[in-house]
Structure formats: C-alpha cells, structure tokens
Amino acid sequence: MDVSLASWLVIAVAFAFANLPFVNENVLGFIPVEPARNGKHAKYFAVRLLELIVLYFVVGALAHALESRIGNAFPQTWEFYAITACLFLVLAFPGFVLRYLRKRHG
C-alpha cells in the first residue's frame, strides 16, 4: 500500500468514525442504548462524546499501524494530537448537525 492510498484510507475511516456516534442510536455501532426521553439529551450527549474520544484513538491506532507498515513511524508531540483531535471534531460536524441542529418536521 502506498502513502497516498493509506492517507486517503485514514481520512475516509476518520470521517466515518467521527460521524458514527451521531447517525445511529447504538454505542460504537452495536451496543444498544435506550433513546432519550423528556428532553434528557445531556446524558446521551456525554455518552456520544465519550464514544467520539474512543473512536479518535481507534483511528489513531489505525493510522499508526499503516504508518509503521509503510516505513518508520515518526514520534509525535502534543501539538500533533491537538491538531488531529480538532480535525476529528470538524469531521464530526455533519453528524452533529443531523443529530442536534436539524429541525424535525412532523
């Protein structure tokens, strides 16, 4: 696998995993959760945020594995993790809009 394909694979997986908490009712895609009732979305938002953090580290592990397979994995500092965490949150924006900001008609 070349560098370009690995990079696009990580970006595609990051986009999918960043939106996963917001497009379904299950935690990590397969653990069922009771839907929010009576406007009690704060608890479920916290669960989705924790899920987002876990998925960020899963994507990071995939990226590190692909980088190690292609060549030497470079050591990263806190700046790298701050930037990639912000990028992961930006990638999650479409799912967040669909879940919390879109008006529901009917």
N, C-alpha and C. Protein backbone atom coordinates (compact mmCIF):
# COMPACT_ATOMS: atom_id res chain seq x y z
N MET A 1 0.86 -1.17 0.00
CA MET A 1 0.00 0.00 0.00
C MET A 1 0.91 1.23 0.00
N ASP A 2 0.62 2.15 -0.91
CA ASP A 2 1.45 3.35 -0.97
C ASP A 2 0.94 4.42 0.00
N VAL A 3 1.70 5.47 0.15
CA VAL A 3 1.41 6.52 1.13
C VAL A 3 0.11 7.24 0.80
N SER A 4 -0.13 7.51 -0.46
CA SER A 4 -1.33 8.23 -0.86
C SER A 4 -2.59 7.44 -0.53
N LEU A 5 -2.60 6.16 -0.84
CA LEU A 5 -3.76 5.32 -0.56
C LEU A 5 -3.98 5.20 0.95
N ALA A 6 -2.91 5.03 1.71
CA ALA A 6 -3.02 4.93 3.17
C ALA A 6 -3.56 6.23 3.76
N SER A 7 -3.14 7.36 3.23
CA SER A 7 -3.61 8.65 3.72
C SER A 7 -5.11 8.82 3.47
N TRP A 8 -5.55 8.49 2.25
CA TRP A 8 -6.98 8.61 1.93
C TRP A 8 -7.81 7.60 2.72
N LEU A 9 -7.26 6.44 2.97
CA LEU A 9 -7.96 5.45 3.78
C LEU A 9 -8.17 5.96 5.20
N VAL A 10 -7.15 6.54 5.79
CA VAL A 10 -7.26 7.08 7.15
C VAL A 10 -8.28 8.23 7.18
N ILE A 11 -8.27 9.09 6.17
CA ILE A 11 -9.23 10.20 6.13
C ILE A 11 -10.65 9.68 6.01
N ALA A 12 -10.88 8.69 5.15
CA ALA A 12 -12.22 8.12 4.97
C ALA A 12 -12.71 7.43 6.25
N VAL A 13 -11.84 6.66 6.87
CA VAL A 13 -12.22 5.98 8.12
C VAL A 13 -12.46 7.01 9.23
N ALA A 14 -11.65 8.05 9.28
CA ALA A 14 -11.84 9.09 10.29
C ALA A 14 -13.18 9.79 10.09
N PHE A 15 -13.56 10.09 8.85
CA PHE A 15 -14.85 10.72 8.59
C PHE A 15 -16.00 9.80 9.01
N ALA A 16 -15.90 8.53 8.66
CA ALA A 16 -16.96 7.58 9.02
C ALA A 16 -17.06 7.41 10.53
N PHE A 17 -15.93 7.24 11.20
CA PHE A 17 -15.94 7.03 12.64
C PHE A 17 -16.32 8.29 13.40
N ALA A 18 -15.98 9.47 12.88
CA ALA A 18 -16.34 10.72 13.55
C ALA A 18 -17.85 10.93 13.52
N ASN A 19 -18.52 10.46 12.49
CA ASN A 19 -19.97 10.63 12.37
C ASN A 19 -20.75 9.46 12.94
N LEU A 20 -20.11 8.36 13.22
CA LEU A 20 -20.79 7.17 13.74
C LEU A 20 -21.60 7.43 15.01
N PRO A 21 -21.09 8.17 16.00
CA PRO A 21 -21.89 8.38 17.21
C PRO A 21 -23.19 9.15 16.97
N PHE A 22 -23.26 9.91 15.90
CA PHE A 22 -24.40 10.78 15.69
C PHE A 22 -25.43 10.22 14.70
N VAL A 23 -25.08 9.22 13.92
CA VAL A 23 -26.01 8.73 12.90
C VAL A 23 -26.77 7.48 13.30
N ASN A 24 -26.45 6.89 14.45
CA ASN A 24 -27.22 5.74 14.90
C ASN A 24 -27.46 5.84 16.41
N GLU A 25 -28.31 4.97 16.91
CA GLU A 25 -28.68 5.00 18.33
C GLU A 25 -27.80 4.08 19.17
N ASN A 26 -26.92 3.34 18.56
CA ASN A 26 -26.10 2.37 19.29
C ASN A 26 -24.74 2.96 19.62
N VAL A 27 -24.18 2.52 20.73
CA VAL A 27 -22.82 2.93 21.11
C VAL A 27 -21.84 2.06 20.35
N LEU A 28 -20.87 2.69 19.71
CA LEU A 28 -19.86 2.04 18.87
C LEU A 28 -20.49 1.24 17.73
N GLY A 29 -21.72 1.56 17.39
CA GLY A 29 -22.38 0.93 16.27
C GLY A 29 -23.10 -0.37 16.57
N PHE A 30 -22.90 -0.96 17.76
CA PHE A 30 -23.54 -2.25 18.00
C PHE A 30 -24.07 -2.45 19.42
N ILE A 31 -23.80 -1.58 20.38
CA ILE A 31 -24.32 -1.72 21.74
C ILE A 31 -25.58 -0.86 21.86
N PRO A 32 -26.75 -1.48 22.03
CA PRO A 32 -27.99 -0.70 22.05
C PRO A 32 -28.10 0.17 23.30
N VAL A 33 -28.68 1.36 23.10
CA VAL A 33 -28.89 2.32 24.18
C VAL A 33 -30.34 2.77 24.13
N GLU A 34 -30.93 2.93 25.29
CA GLU A 34 -32.31 3.41 25.35
C GLU A 34 -32.37 4.84 24.83
N PRO A 35 -33.32 5.17 23.94
CA PRO A 35 -33.39 6.53 23.39
C PRO A 35 -33.74 7.57 24.46
N ALA A 36 -33.31 8.80 24.21
CA ALA A 36 -33.55 9.90 25.15
C ALA A 36 -35.04 10.26 25.16
N ARG A 37 -35.55 10.52 26.36
CA ARG A 37 -36.95 10.92 26.51
C ARG A 37 -37.03 12.17 27.37
N ASN A 38 -38.11 12.90 27.19
CA ASN A 38 -38.41 14.08 28.01
C ASN A 38 -37.29 15.11 28.00
N GLY A 39 -36.62 15.26 26.88
CA GLY A 39 -35.58 16.29 26.77
C GLY A 39 -34.32 15.99 27.54
N LYS A 40 -34.07 14.74 27.93
CA LYS A 40 -32.87 14.39 28.70
C LYS A 40 -31.76 13.96 27.74
N HIS A 41 -31.30 14.92 26.97
CA HIS A 41 -30.27 14.62 25.98
C HIS A 41 -28.86 14.80 26.54
N ALA A 42 -28.71 15.41 27.71
CA ALA A 42 -27.38 15.69 28.25
C ALA A 42 -26.62 14.40 28.54
N LYS A 43 -27.29 13.41 29.12
CA LYS A 43 -26.63 12.14 29.43
C LYS A 43 -26.20 11.44 28.14
N TYR A 44 -27.06 11.46 27.14
CA TYR A 44 -26.75 10.79 25.89
C TYR A 44 -25.69 11.55 25.11
N PHE A 45 -25.66 12.86 25.24
CA PHE A 45 -24.59 13.63 24.59
C PHE A 45 -23.25 13.27 25.21
N ALA A 46 -23.20 13.08 26.53
CA ALA A 46 -21.96 12.70 27.19
C ALA A 46 -21.49 11.32 26.71
N VAL A 47 -22.44 10.40 26.52
CA VAL A 47 -22.09 9.07 26.01
C VAL A 47 -21.54 9.19 24.59
N ARG A 48 -22.16 10.02 23.78
CA ARG A 48 -21.69 10.21 22.40
C ARG A 48 -20.32 10.88 22.37
N LEU A 49 -20.07 11.80 23.28
CA LEU A 49 -18.77 12.45 23.35
C LEU A 49 -17.68 11.46 23.77
N LEU A 50 -17.99 10.61 24.74
CA LEU A 50 -17.04 9.58 25.15
C LEU A 50 -16.78 8.60 24.01
N GLU A 51 -17.83 8.25 23.28
CA GLU A 51 -17.68 7.38 22.12
C GLU A 51 -16.80 8.03 21.06
N LEU A 52 -16.96 9.33 20.87
CA LEU A 52 -16.15 10.07 19.91
C LEU A 52 -14.67 10.03 20.29
N ILE A 53 -14.38 10.14 21.58
CA ILE A 53 -13.00 10.08 22.05
C ILE A 53 -12.41 8.69 21.81
N VAL A 54 -13.18 7.65 22.11
CA VAL A 54 -12.71 6.28 21.88
C VAL A 54 -12.44 6.05 20.40
N LEU A 55 -13.34 6.51 19.55
CA LEU A 55 -13.16 6.33 18.11
C LEU A 55 -11.97 7.13 17.57
N TYR A 56 -11.68 8.29 18.19
CA TYR A 56 -10.49 9.06 17.81
C TYR A 56 -9.23 8.22 18.02
N PHE A 57 -9.17 7.53 19.15
CA PHE A 57 -7.99 6.71 19.43
C PHE A 57 -7.94 5.46 18.54
N VAL A 58 -9.09 4.94 18.14
CA VAL A 58 -9.12 3.80 17.21
C VAL A 58 -8.56 4.23 15.85
N VAL A 59 -8.98 5.39 15.37
CA VAL A 59 -8.46 5.90 14.10
C VAL A 59 -6.96 6.19 14.22
N GLY A 60 -6.55 6.73 15.36
CA GLY A 60 -5.12 6.97 15.59
C GLY A 60 -4.30 5.70 15.57
N ALA A 61 -4.85 4.63 16.15
CA ALA A 61 -4.15 3.34 16.13
C ALA A 61 -4.05 2.79 14.71
N LEU A 62 -5.13 2.95 13.94
CA LEU A 62 -5.09 2.52 12.53
C LEU A 62 -4.05 3.32 11.75
N ALA A 63 -4.03 4.62 11.94
CA ALA A 63 -3.06 5.46 11.24
C ALA A 63 -1.63 5.09 11.63
N HIS A 64 -1.40 4.85 12.90
CA HIS A 64 -0.06 4.46 13.36
C HIS A 64 0.34 3.11 12.76
N ALA A 65 -0.62 2.17 12.70
CA ALA A 65 -0.31 0.85 12.12
C ALA A 65 0.03 0.97 10.63
N LEU A 66 -0.72 1.79 9.91
CA LEU A 66 -0.42 1.97 8.48
C LEU A 66 0.92 2.67 8.28
N GLU A 67 1.20 3.66 9.13
CA GLU A 67 2.48 4.37 9.01
C GLU A 67 3.64 3.43 9.33
N SER A 68 3.47 2.58 10.31
CA SER A 68 4.53 1.63 10.66
C SER A 68 4.75 0.61 9.56
N ARG A 69 3.66 0.24 8.88
CA ARG A 69 3.78 -0.74 7.81
C ARG A 69 4.48 -0.15 6.59
N ILE A 70 4.24 1.14 6.32
CA ILE A 70 4.86 1.79 5.16
C ILE A 70 6.34 2.06 5.42
N GLY A 71 6.68 2.45 6.62
CA GLY A 71 8.07 2.79 6.95
C GLY A 71 8.17 3.03 8.44
N ASN A 72 9.09 3.88 8.82
CA ASN A 72 9.26 4.21 10.23
C ASN A 72 8.16 5.13 10.70
N ALA A 73 7.60 4.82 11.86
CA ALA A 73 6.59 5.70 12.46
C ALA A 73 7.32 6.83 13.18
N PHE A 74 6.93 8.05 12.88
CA PHE A 74 7.58 9.20 13.47
C PHE A 74 7.02 9.48 14.86
N PRO A 75 7.85 9.90 15.80
CA PRO A 75 7.34 10.26 17.12
C PRO A 75 6.53 11.55 17.02
N GLN A 76 5.44 11.64 17.77
CA GLN A 76 4.55 12.80 17.73
C GLN A 76 4.56 13.50 19.08
N THR A 77 4.35 14.81 19.05
CA THR A 77 4.27 15.60 20.27
C THR A 77 2.83 16.02 20.49
N TRP A 78 2.59 16.77 21.54
CA TRP A 78 1.22 17.14 21.91
C TRP A 78 0.55 17.98 20.84
N GLU A 79 1.33 18.75 20.06
CA GLU A 79 0.74 19.58 19.02
C GLU A 79 0.03 18.73 17.96
N PHE A 80 0.65 17.60 17.61
CA PHE A 80 0.05 16.70 16.63
C PHE A 80 -1.30 16.20 17.13
N TYR A 81 -1.36 15.79 18.39
CA TYR A 81 -2.61 15.25 18.93
C TYR A 81 -3.66 16.35 19.07
N ALA A 82 -3.27 17.56 19.40
CA ALA A 82 -4.23 18.66 19.49
C ALA A 82 -4.82 18.97 18.12
N ILE A 83 -3.99 19.00 17.09
CA ILE A 83 -4.47 19.29 15.74
C ILE A 83 -5.36 18.17 15.22
N THR A 84 -4.95 16.92 15.41
CA THR A 84 -5.76 15.82 14.89
C THR A 84 -7.08 15.68 15.66
N ALA A 85 -7.10 15.99 16.94
CA ALA A 85 -8.36 15.96 17.71
C ALA A 85 -9.31 17.04 17.19
N CYS A 86 -8.79 18.23 16.91
CA CYS A 86 -9.63 19.29 16.35
C CYS A 86 -10.13 18.91 14.96
N LEU A 87 -9.29 18.30 14.15
CA LEU A 87 -9.70 17.85 12.83
C LEU A 87 -10.77 16.77 12.92
N PHE A 88 -10.64 15.89 13.90
CA PHE A 88 -11.64 14.84 14.09
C PHE A 88 -12.99 15.46 14.48
N LEU A 89 -12.96 16.50 15.31
CA LEU A 89 -14.20 17.19 15.67
C LEU A 89 -14.82 17.90 14.46
N VAL A 90 -14.00 18.46 13.61
CA VAL A 90 -14.51 19.10 12.39
C VAL A 90 -15.15 18.05 11.47
N LEU A 91 -14.53 16.88 11.37
CA LEU A 91 -15.10 15.82 10.55
C LEU A 91 -16.43 15.32 11.13
N ALA A 92 -16.63 15.47 12.44
CA ALA A 92 -17.88 15.03 13.08
C ALA A 92 -19.00 16.04 12.94
N PHE A 93 -18.74 17.21 12.40
CA PHE A 93 -19.75 18.26 12.33
C PHE A 93 -21.00 17.87 11.54
N PRO A 94 -20.89 17.21 10.38
CA PRO A 94 -22.13 16.84 9.67
C PRO A 94 -23.05 15.93 10.49
N GLY A 95 -22.50 14.97 11.18
CA GLY A 95 -23.31 14.10 12.02
C GLY A 95 -23.92 14.85 13.19
N PHE A 96 -23.17 15.77 13.78
CA PHE A 96 -23.69 16.58 14.89
C PHE A 96 -24.86 17.44 14.42
N VAL A 97 -24.74 18.02 13.24
CA VAL A 97 -25.82 18.84 12.69
C VAL A 97 -27.06 17.99 12.46
N LEU A 98 -26.88 16.81 11.88
CA LEU A 98 -28.02 15.93 11.64
C LEU A 98 -28.70 15.51 12.94
N ARG A 99 -27.94 15.28 13.97
CA ARG A 99 -28.49 14.78 15.24
C ARG A 99 -29.12 15.89 16.07
N TYR A 100 -28.44 17.03 16.22
CA TYR A 100 -28.86 18.01 17.21
C TYR A 100 -29.36 19.33 16.65
N LEU A 101 -28.97 19.74 15.47
CA LEU A 101 -29.31 21.06 14.98
C LEU A 101 -30.38 21.08 13.89
N ARG A 102 -30.62 19.96 13.25
CA ARG A 102 -31.62 19.90 12.18
C ARG A 102 -33.02 19.94 12.78
N LYS A 103 -33.89 20.75 12.17
CA LYS A 103 -35.28 20.79 12.62
C LYS A 103 -36.02 19.57 12.15
N ARG A 104 -36.77 18.99 13.05
CA ARG A 104 -37.57 17.83 12.70
C ARG A 104 -38.99 18.27 12.41
N HIS A 105 -39.47 17.94 11.24
CA HIS A 105 -40.83 18.30 10.85
C HIS A 105 -41.75 17.11 11.07
N GLY A 106 -42.86 17.39 11.71
CA GLY A 106 -43.86 16.34 11.88
C GLY A 106 -43.99 15.83 13.21
